[in-house]
Protein backbone atom coordinates (compact mmCIF):
# COMPACT_ATOMS: atom_id res chain seq x y z
CA GLU A 1 151.61 89.70 145.80
CA GLY A 2 148.94 88.29 143.86
CA PHE A 3 150.04 88.63 140.39
CA GLY A 4 153.94 87.57 140.73
CA LEU A 5 155.64 90.76 139.76
CA PRO A 6 158.88 90.18 142.20
CA PRO A 7 159.83 86.40 140.55
CA LEU A 8 158.84 88.50 137.27
CA GLU A 9 161.49 90.91 137.88
CA ALA A 10 163.84 88.52 139.18
CA MET A 11 163.54 86.64 135.93
CA ALA A 12 164.33 89.96 133.80
CA CYS A 13 167.44 90.47 135.64
CA GLY A 14 168.80 86.81 134.89
CA VAL A 15 168.04 85.55 138.40
CA PRO A 16 167.11 81.97 138.54
CA VAL A 17 163.78 81.67 140.45
CA VAL A 18 162.23 79.23 142.58
CA VAL A 19 158.29 79.60 143.62
CA SER A 20 155.28 77.93 144.99
CA ASN A 21 153.23 76.43 142.92
CA ALA A 22 150.29 78.06 143.73
CA SER A 23 148.08 81.07 142.96
CA SER A 24 149.18 83.18 139.55
CA LEU A 25 152.98 81.87 139.84
CA PRO A 26 153.01 79.08 137.63
CA GLU A 27 151.17 81.14 135.03
CA VAL A 28 153.90 83.67 135.50
CA VAL A 29 156.93 81.75 136.04
CA GLY A 30 156.26 79.00 133.48
CA ASP A 31 159.01 76.68 132.91
CA ALA A 32 161.69 79.46 133.52
CA GLY A 33 161.57 78.71 137.29
CA LEU A 34 161.29 75.77 139.65
CA LEU A 35 157.89 75.31 141.13
CA VAL A 36 157.37 74.06 144.61
CA ASP A 37 154.74 72.82 146.86
CA PRO A 38 154.72 75.97 149.24
CA LEU A 39 153.96 73.38 152.33
CA ASP A 40 156.74 71.07 151.07
CA VAL A 41 159.90 72.31 152.89
CA ASP A 42 162.03 69.47 151.62
CA ALA A 43 161.21 70.28 148.25
CA LEU A 44 161.92 73.90 148.44
CA ALA A 45 165.42 73.14 149.89
CA GLU A 46 165.84 70.38 147.39
CA ALA A 47 164.96 73.02 144.68
CA MET A 48 167.30 75.87 146.13
CA ILE A 49 170.14 73.50 146.27
CA ALA A 50 169.71 72.43 142.87
CA VAL A 51 169.80 75.98 141.69
CA LEU A 52 172.75 76.74 143.88
CA SER A 53 174.81 73.26 142.74
CA ASP A 54 173.61 73.01 139.03
CA GLU A 55 175.45 75.86 137.13
CA ASP A 56 173.86 74.31 133.66
CA LEU A 57 170.55 74.16 135.66
CA ARG A 58 171.10 78.00 136.69
CA ALA A 59 172.29 78.86 133.10
CA SER A 60 169.15 77.44 131.45
CA LEU A 61 166.62 79.02 134.13
CA ARG A 62 168.41 82.32 133.55
CA GLN A 63 167.94 82.45 129.45
CA LYS A 64 164.38 81.26 129.88
CA GLY A 65 163.65 83.58 132.74
CA ILE A 66 164.85 86.47 130.58
CA ALA A 67 162.72 85.36 127.45
CA ARG A 68 159.80 85.08 129.60
CA ALA A 69 160.01 88.38 131.24
CA LYS A 70 160.01 89.95 128.04
CA ARG A 71 156.69 88.50 127.31
CA PHE A 72 155.33 91.10 129.94
CA SER A 73 155.25 94.51 129.49
CA TRP A 74 153.06 97.56 131.10
CA GLU A 75 152.06 98.41 127.25
CA ARG A 76 150.68 95.08 126.72
CA THR A 77 148.96 95.02 130.11
CA ALA A 78 147.35 98.36 129.28
CA ARG A 79 146.01 97.54 125.90
CA GLU A 80 144.94 93.94 126.94
CA THR A 81 142.90 95.51 130.16
CA LEU A 82 141.46 98.56 127.72
CA GLU A 83 140.34 95.90 125.01
CA ALA A 84 138.90 93.57 127.88
CA TYR A 85 136.82 96.78 129.06
CA LYS A 86 135.63 97.52 125.49
CA ARG A 87 134.31 93.66 125.32
CA CYS A 88 132.54 94.22 128.41
CA ALA A 89 131.16 97.54 127.64
CA SER A 90 130.06 96.11 124.33
């Protein structure tokens, strides 16, 4: 998944996310999820345990995730893509 649609969909549903800090995921998730080195198994486990054991963290990630997901829409994507094409064609 090159863009990060699965974590974005999860955030839109109020599900806390733990994602790798690689590719487009940091830009998509921002501070609305926990970012970990994809090669660091211990960091991944610690992040998952933190989400499972810390109710305040879960609530914060849910709230931030829902708000962040609202910034993304197909309408906005289409509009910005069209504008990019117009700039290139000019």
